[in-house]
Amino acid sequence: MTDAVADTVREEAREGAAWAHSVEPQGATEILKPLLPFAAAVALALLLHRYRSEAEVSAEDRVRLAVARLGDEIAERAWKLGRDANAEKQKQRAWSLLQGAVGAGFTVLARRAASGVWEGLTGNPSPRSS
């Protein structure tokens, strides 16, 4: 390279560096705004690909699903065979009552424990919700 060409290259490099320092930094939104249409197109393409792959179910998968459903129905009917529906409902009600009673008891105990901790830490009576 000749000296004239080298000087021209150096001058252009200085001008470029000066321009880069004079530009105000942009926010992330200003940088990303032009990319939004592209990002939307990519997201749409991915969704369409996923939808197409889920929609195309093979015959083998259909047969497997049918057999699984049939097996579930057989298991459910076998479970219900010889059982009294009223007795099952009574068991469910008893379980719900037991669960509610235990939950209420633990709630009362937790509130008392929290009240004791509050009084121990602050020395003041605990604020009670009315």
N, C-alpha and C. Protein backbone atom coordinates (compact mmCIF):
# COMPACT_ATOMS: atom_id res chain seq x y z
N MET A 1 0.83 -1.17 0.00
CA MET A 1 0.00 0.00 0.00
C MET A 1 0.88 1.24 0.00
N THR A 2 0.43 2.17 -0.73
CA THR A 2 1.18 3.43 -0.77
C THR A 2 0.82 4.24 0.44
N ASP A 3 1.61 5.25 0.71
CA ASP A 3 1.36 6.11 1.87
C ASP A 3 0.05 6.87 1.74
N ALA A 4 -0.32 7.26 0.56
CA ALA A 4 -1.57 8.01 0.35
C ALA A 4 -2.77 7.13 0.67
N VAL A 5 -2.71 5.88 0.21
CA VAL A 5 -3.83 4.96 0.47
C VAL A 5 -3.90 4.66 1.96
N ALA A 6 -2.75 4.44 2.60
CA ALA A 6 -2.73 4.15 4.03
C ALA A 6 -3.28 5.33 4.82
N ASP A 7 -2.93 6.56 4.40
CA ASP A 7 -3.46 7.74 5.09
C ASP A 7 -4.98 7.84 4.93
N THR A 8 -5.47 7.52 3.74
CA THR A 8 -6.92 7.57 3.49
C THR A 8 -7.64 6.54 4.37
N VAL A 9 -7.07 5.35 4.47
CA VAL A 9 -7.68 4.30 5.29
C VAL A 9 -7.69 4.72 6.75
N ARG A 10 -6.59 5.27 7.23
CA ARG A 10 -6.53 5.73 8.62
C ARG A 10 -7.54 6.83 8.89
N GLU A 11 -7.68 7.77 7.96
CA GLU A 11 -8.64 8.87 8.11
C GLU A 11 -10.07 8.34 8.16
N GLU A 12 -10.39 7.39 7.29
CA GLU A 12 -11.73 6.82 7.29
C GLU A 12 -12.00 6.05 8.59
N ALA A 13 -10.96 5.40 9.10
CA ALA A 13 -11.11 4.66 10.36
C ALA A 13 -11.37 5.63 11.51
N ARG A 14 -10.67 6.75 11.52
CA ARG A 14 -10.89 7.76 12.56
C ARG A 14 -12.29 8.34 12.48
N GLU A 15 -12.75 8.61 11.26
CA GLU A 15 -14.11 9.15 11.08
C GLU A 15 -15.15 8.12 11.54
N GLY A 16 -14.92 6.87 11.23
CA GLY A 16 -15.84 5.82 11.67
C GLY A 16 -15.86 5.69 13.18
N ALA A 17 -14.70 5.76 13.79
CA ALA A 17 -14.63 5.67 15.24
C ALA A 17 -15.29 6.88 15.90
N ALA A 18 -15.08 8.06 15.32
CA ALA A 18 -15.70 9.25 15.86
C ALA A 18 -17.22 9.16 15.73
N TRP A 19 -17.71 8.63 14.61
CA TRP A 19 -19.16 8.49 14.41
C TRP A 19 -19.74 7.50 15.42
N ALA A 20 -19.01 6.42 15.67
CA ALA A 20 -19.50 5.41 16.61
C ALA A 20 -19.60 5.97 18.03
N HIS A 21 -18.67 6.88 18.39
CA HIS A 21 -18.71 7.47 19.73
C HIS A 21 -19.76 8.55 19.84
N SER A 22 -20.15 9.17 18.74
CA SER A 22 -21.12 10.26 18.81
C SER A 22 -22.56 9.76 18.80
N VAL A 23 -22.78 8.51 18.41
CA VAL A 23 -24.13 7.97 18.35
C VAL A 23 -24.60 7.66 19.76
N GLU A 24 -25.83 8.07 20.09
CA GLU A 24 -26.38 7.78 21.42
C GLU A 24 -26.82 6.32 21.47
N PRO A 25 -26.59 5.69 22.60
CA PRO A 25 -27.01 4.29 22.70
C PRO A 25 -28.52 4.17 22.61
N GLN A 26 -28.99 3.13 21.93
CA GLN A 26 -30.41 2.92 21.76
C GLN A 26 -30.91 1.97 22.84
N GLY A 27 -32.17 2.12 23.17
CA GLY A 27 -32.78 1.19 24.11
C GLY A 27 -33.05 -0.14 23.45
N ALA A 28 -33.29 -1.14 24.24
CA ALA A 28 -33.53 -2.48 23.71
C ALA A 28 -34.78 -2.50 22.85
N THR A 29 -35.79 -1.71 23.22
CA THR A 29 -37.03 -1.72 22.42
C THR A 29 -36.80 -1.16 21.03
N GLU A 30 -35.96 -0.14 20.92
CA GLU A 30 -35.69 0.43 19.60
C GLU A 30 -34.91 -0.53 18.73
N ILE A 31 -34.10 -1.35 19.35
CA ILE A 31 -33.33 -2.33 18.59
C ILE A 31 -34.22 -3.51 18.18
N LEU A 32 -35.13 -3.91 19.08
CA LEU A 32 -35.93 -5.10 18.84
C LEU A 32 -37.18 -4.84 18.00
N LYS A 33 -37.64 -3.59 17.92
CA LYS A 33 -38.86 -3.30 17.16
C LYS A 33 -38.81 -3.80 15.71
N PRO A 34 -37.73 -3.57 14.98
CA PRO A 34 -37.70 -4.07 13.61
C PRO A 34 -37.71 -5.59 13.51
N LEU A 35 -37.34 -6.27 14.59
CA LEU A 35 -37.29 -7.73 14.56
C LEU A 35 -38.62 -8.39 14.91
N LEU A 36 -39.60 -7.62 15.40
CA LEU A 36 -40.87 -8.20 15.83
C LEU A 36 -41.62 -8.93 14.72
N PRO A 37 -41.74 -8.38 13.52
CA PRO A 37 -42.44 -9.14 12.48
C PRO A 37 -41.76 -10.48 12.18
N PHE A 38 -40.46 -10.48 12.18
CA PHE A 38 -39.72 -11.72 11.93
C PHE A 38 -39.97 -12.72 13.07
N ALA A 39 -39.94 -12.24 14.31
CA ALA A 39 -40.17 -13.12 15.46
C ALA A 39 -41.58 -13.68 15.43
N ALA A 40 -42.55 -12.86 15.05
CA ALA A 40 -43.93 -13.33 14.96
C ALA A 40 -44.05 -14.40 13.88
N ALA A 41 -43.39 -14.21 12.76
CA ALA A 41 -43.44 -15.19 11.68
C ALA A 41 -42.81 -16.51 12.12
N VAL A 42 -41.71 -16.45 12.83
CA VAL A 42 -41.06 -17.67 13.31
C VAL A 42 -41.95 -18.39 14.32
N ALA A 43 -42.57 -17.63 15.23
CA ALA A 43 -43.46 -18.25 16.21
C ALA A 43 -44.65 -18.91 15.53
N LEU A 44 -45.21 -18.24 14.54
CA LEU A 44 -46.35 -18.81 13.81
C LEU A 44 -45.93 -20.08 13.07
N ALA A 45 -44.77 -20.06 12.46
CA ALA A 45 -44.28 -21.25 11.75
C ALA A 45 -44.08 -22.42 12.72
N LEU A 46 -43.55 -22.15 13.91
CA LEU A 46 -43.36 -23.21 14.89
C LEU A 46 -44.69 -23.77 15.36
N LEU A 47 -45.68 -22.89 15.58
CA LEU A 47 -46.99 -23.37 16.01
C LEU A 47 -47.66 -24.21 14.92
N LEU A 48 -47.56 -23.76 13.68
CA LEU A 48 -48.15 -24.53 12.59
C LEU A 48 -47.48 -25.89 12.45
N HIS A 49 -46.17 -25.92 12.59
CA HIS A 49 -45.45 -27.20 12.51
C HIS A 49 -45.91 -28.15 13.61
N ARG A 50 -46.05 -27.60 14.83
CA ARG A 50 -46.48 -28.43 15.95
C ARG A 50 -47.91 -28.92 15.72
N TYR A 51 -48.78 -28.03 15.24
CA TYR A 51 -50.17 -28.41 15.00
C TYR A 51 -50.26 -29.50 13.95
N ARG A 52 -49.49 -29.35 12.88
CA ARG A 52 -49.52 -30.36 11.81
C ARG A 52 -49.03 -31.71 12.32
N SER A 53 -47.96 -31.69 13.14
CA SER A 53 -47.41 -32.96 13.63
C SER A 53 -48.37 -33.62 14.61
N GLU A 54 -49.16 -32.82 15.37
CA GLU A 54 -50.12 -33.41 16.28
C GLU A 54 -51.35 -33.89 15.54
N ALA A 55 -51.70 -33.22 14.45
CA ALA A 55 -52.91 -33.57 13.71
C ALA A 55 -52.72 -34.86 12.91
N GLU A 56 -51.51 -35.15 12.51
CA GLU A 56 -51.24 -36.33 11.70
C GLU A 56 -50.95 -37.52 12.61
N VAL A 57 -52.02 -38.22 13.03
CA VAL A 57 -51.87 -39.37 13.90
C VAL A 57 -51.88 -40.62 13.03
N SER A 58 -50.94 -41.47 13.26
CA SER A 58 -50.84 -42.68 12.44
C SER A 58 -51.94 -43.67 12.82
N ALA A 59 -52.18 -44.62 11.94
CA ALA A 59 -53.19 -45.64 12.20
C ALA A 59 -52.81 -46.48 13.41
N GLU A 60 -51.52 -46.74 13.56
CA GLU A 60 -51.04 -47.52 14.70
C GLU A 60 -51.35 -46.81 16.02
N ASP A 61 -51.15 -45.48 16.04
CA ASP A 61 -51.46 -44.71 17.25
C ASP A 61 -52.96 -44.72 17.53
N ARG A 62 -53.77 -44.65 16.49
CA ARG A 62 -55.22 -44.70 16.68
C ARG A 62 -55.65 -46.02 17.30
N VAL A 63 -55.07 -47.12 16.82
CA VAL A 63 -55.40 -48.44 17.36
C VAL A 63 -54.97 -48.53 18.82
N ARG A 64 -53.77 -48.04 19.12
CA ARG A 64 -53.29 -48.07 20.50
C ARG A 64 -54.20 -47.28 21.42
N LEU A 65 -54.64 -46.11 20.96
CA LEU A 65 -55.53 -45.28 21.76
C LEU A 65 -56.86 -45.98 22.00
N ALA A 66 -57.41 -46.61 20.97
CA ALA A 66 -58.68 -47.33 21.12
C ALA A 66 -58.55 -48.48 22.11
N VAL A 67 -57.46 -49.23 22.02
CA VAL A 67 -57.24 -50.35 22.94
C VAL A 67 -57.08 -49.83 24.37
N ALA A 68 -56.38 -48.73 24.54
CA ALA A 68 -56.19 -48.16 25.87
C ALA A 68 -57.52 -47.71 26.45
N ARG A 69 -58.35 -47.07 25.64
CA ARG A 69 -59.68 -46.64 26.12
C ARG A 69 -60.53 -47.84 26.50
N LEU A 70 -60.49 -48.88 25.69
CA LEU A 70 -61.25 -50.09 25.98
C LEU A 70 -60.76 -50.71 27.28
N GLY A 71 -59.46 -50.74 27.47
CA GLY A 71 -58.89 -51.28 28.70
C GLY A 71 -59.32 -50.47 29.92
N ASP A 72 -59.37 -49.14 29.78
CA ASP A 72 -59.82 -48.29 30.88
C ASP A 72 -61.28 -48.56 31.22
N GLU A 73 -62.11 -48.72 30.20
CA GLU A 73 -63.53 -49.01 30.44
C GLU A 73 -63.70 -50.35 31.13
N ILE A 74 -62.96 -51.35 30.70
CA ILE A 74 -63.05 -52.67 31.33
C ILE A 74 -62.61 -52.59 32.79
N ALA A 75 -61.53 -51.89 33.07
CA ALA A 75 -61.04 -51.76 34.44
C ALA A 75 -62.05 -51.03 35.31
N GLU A 76 -62.68 -49.98 34.77
CA GLU A 76 -63.67 -49.23 35.53
C GLU A 76 -64.89 -50.10 35.85
N ARG A 77 -65.35 -50.85 34.86
CA ARG A 77 -66.52 -51.72 35.09
C ARG A 77 -66.18 -52.85 36.06
N ALA A 78 -64.99 -53.38 35.99
CA ALA A 78 -64.57 -54.42 36.93
C ALA A 78 -64.50 -53.86 38.35
N TRP A 79 -64.08 -52.62 38.49
CA TRP A 79 -63.99 -51.99 39.80
C TRP A 79 -65.39 -51.79 40.39
N LYS A 80 -66.33 -51.39 39.54
CA LYS A 80 -67.69 -51.13 40.01
C LYS A 80 -68.49 -52.40 40.26
N LEU A 81 -68.07 -53.50 39.68
CA LEU A 81 -68.79 -54.76 39.80
C LEU A 81 -68.83 -55.23 41.25
N GLY A 82 -70.02 -55.45 41.78
CA GLY A 82 -70.16 -55.94 43.14
C GLY A 82 -70.04 -54.87 44.20
N ARG A 83 -69.99 -53.61 43.82
CA ARG A 83 -69.90 -52.52 44.80
C ARG A 83 -71.24 -51.81 44.90
N ASP A 84 -71.54 -51.35 46.09
CA ASP A 84 -72.78 -50.64 46.33
C ASP A 84 -72.52 -49.14 46.12
N ALA A 85 -73.28 -48.52 45.24
CA ALA A 85 -73.07 -47.11 44.93
C ALA A 85 -73.34 -46.23 46.14
N ASN A 86 -74.37 -46.58 46.94
CA ASN A 86 -74.68 -45.78 48.14
C ASN A 86 -73.56 -45.89 49.17
N ALA A 87 -72.98 -47.07 49.32
CA ALA A 87 -71.88 -47.24 50.27
C ALA A 87 -70.66 -46.42 49.82
N GLU A 88 -70.42 -46.39 48.52
CA GLU A 88 -69.29 -45.59 48.00
C GLU A 88 -69.51 -44.10 48.27
N LYS A 89 -70.74 -43.63 48.07
CA LYS A 89 -71.05 -42.21 48.33
C LYS A 89 -70.89 -41.90 49.81
N GLN A 90 -71.30 -42.84 50.69
CA GLN A 90 -71.14 -42.64 52.13
C GLN A 90 -69.67 -42.54 52.50
N LYS A 91 -68.84 -43.39 51.91
CA LYS A 91 -67.40 -43.33 52.17
C LYS A 91 -66.83 -42.00 51.73
N GLN A 92 -67.28 -41.52 50.56
CA GLN A 92 -66.78 -40.24 50.06
C GLN A 92 -67.18 -39.09 50.98
N ARG A 93 -68.43 -39.11 51.47
CA ARG A 93 -68.89 -38.07 52.40
C ARG A 93 -68.10 -38.13 53.70
N ALA A 94 -67.89 -39.34 54.22
CA ALA A 94 -67.13 -39.49 55.47
C ALA A 94 -65.71 -38.98 55.29
N TRP A 95 -65.09 -39.29 54.15
CA TRP A 95 -63.74 -38.81 53.88
C TRP A 95 -63.71 -37.29 53.81
N SER A 96 -64.69 -36.70 53.14
CA SER A 96 -64.75 -35.24 53.04
C SER A 96 -64.90 -34.60 54.42
N LEU A 97 -65.76 -35.17 55.27
CA LEU A 97 -65.92 -34.64 56.62
C LEU A 97 -64.64 -34.77 57.43
N LEU A 98 -63.99 -35.91 57.34
CA LEU A 98 -62.73 -36.11 58.07
C LEU A 98 -61.67 -35.13 57.59
N GLN A 99 -61.59 -34.97 56.29
CA GLN A 99 -60.61 -34.05 55.72
C GLN A 99 -60.88 -32.61 56.17
N GLY A 100 -62.14 -32.20 56.16
CA GLY A 100 -62.50 -30.86 56.61
C GLY A 100 -62.20 -30.65 58.07
N ALA A 101 -62.52 -31.65 58.93
CA ALA A 101 -62.26 -31.53 60.37
C ALA A 101 -60.77 -31.44 60.65
N VAL A 102 -59.98 -32.28 60.00
CA VAL A 102 -58.53 -32.22 60.21
C VAL A 102 -57.97 -30.88 59.73
N GLY A 103 -58.45 -30.41 58.59
CA GLY A 103 -57.99 -29.11 58.08
C GLY A 103 -58.35 -27.97 59.02
N ALA A 104 -59.57 -27.99 59.56
CA ALA A 104 -59.97 -26.94 60.50
C ALA A 104 -59.14 -27.01 61.78
N GLY A 105 -58.90 -28.22 62.27
CA GLY A 105 -58.08 -28.36 63.48
C GLY A 105 -56.67 -27.84 63.30
N PHE A 106 -56.06 -28.19 62.19
CA PHE A 106 -54.70 -27.70 61.93
C PHE A 106 -54.68 -26.18 61.71
N THR A 107 -55.74 -25.64 61.15
CA THR A 107 -55.82 -24.19 60.97
C THR A 107 -55.84 -23.48 62.32
N VAL A 108 -56.66 -24.00 63.26
CA VAL A 108 -56.73 -23.41 64.60
C VAL A 108 -55.36 -23.52 65.29
N LEU A 109 -54.73 -24.69 65.20
CA LEU A 109 -53.42 -24.86 65.82
C LEU A 109 -52.37 -23.93 65.20
N ALA A 110 -52.41 -23.77 63.89
CA ALA A 110 -51.44 -22.89 63.22
C ALA A 110 -51.64 -21.44 63.64
N ARG A 111 -52.89 -21.02 63.78
CA ARG A 111 -53.14 -19.63 64.21
C ARG A 111 -52.65 -19.42 65.63
N ARG A 112 -52.88 -20.41 66.50
CA ARG A 112 -52.40 -20.28 67.88
C ARG A 112 -50.87 -20.24 67.93
N ALA A 113 -50.23 -21.08 67.13
CA ALA A 113 -48.76 -21.09 67.11
C ALA A 113 -48.22 -19.77 66.58
N ALA A 114 -48.84 -19.24 65.54
CA ALA A 114 -48.39 -17.97 64.98
C ALA A 114 -48.59 -16.84 65.99
N SER A 115 -49.70 -16.89 66.72
CA SER A 115 -49.97 -15.87 67.74
C SER A 115 -48.91 -15.93 68.83
N GLY A 116 -48.55 -17.15 69.26
CA GLY A 116 -47.52 -17.30 70.29
C GLY A 116 -46.16 -16.80 69.82
N VAL A 117 -45.83 -17.09 68.58
CA VAL A 117 -44.55 -16.63 68.02
C VAL A 117 -44.54 -15.11 67.95
N TRP A 118 -45.64 -14.51 67.51
CA TRP A 118 -45.73 -13.06 67.40
C TRP A 118 -45.53 -12.41 68.77
N GLU A 119 -46.24 -12.95 69.77
CA GLU A 119 -46.13 -12.38 71.11
C GLU A 119 -44.73 -12.57 71.68
N GLY A 120 -44.10 -13.70 71.35
CA GLY A 120 -42.74 -13.94 71.84
C GLY A 120 -41.72 -13.01 71.20
N LEU A 121 -41.89 -12.71 69.92
CA LEU A 121 -40.93 -11.86 69.22
C LEU A 121 -41.13 -10.38 69.50
N THR A 122 -42.37 -9.95 69.55
CA THR A 122 -42.62 -8.50 69.68
C THR A 122 -42.95 -8.10 71.10
N GLY A 123 -43.45 -9.00 71.92
CA GLY A 123 -43.86 -8.65 73.27
C GLY A 123 -45.26 -8.04 73.32
N ASN A 124 -45.87 -7.88 72.18
CA ASN A 124 -47.22 -7.32 72.09
C ASN A 124 -48.20 -8.43 71.76
N PRO A 125 -49.46 -8.24 72.15
CA PRO A 125 -50.44 -9.24 71.75
C PRO A 125 -50.61 -9.23 70.21
N SER A 126 -50.92 -10.40 69.69
CA SER A 126 -51.01 -10.50 68.23
C SER A 126 -52.25 -9.78 67.71
N PRO A 127 -52.14 -9.17 66.53
CA PRO A 127 -53.33 -8.55 65.94
C PRO A 127 -54.28 -9.64 65.48
N ARG A 128 -55.48 -9.59 65.89
CA ARG A 128 -56.45 -10.63 65.55
C ARG A 128 -57.34 -10.11 64.43
N SER A 129 -57.54 -10.94 63.45
CA SER A 129 -58.44 -10.54 62.36
C SER A 129 -59.86 -10.82 62.81
N SER A 130 -60.73 -9.87 62.54
CA SER A 130 -62.10 -10.04 62.98
C SER A 130 -63.02 -10.38 61.85
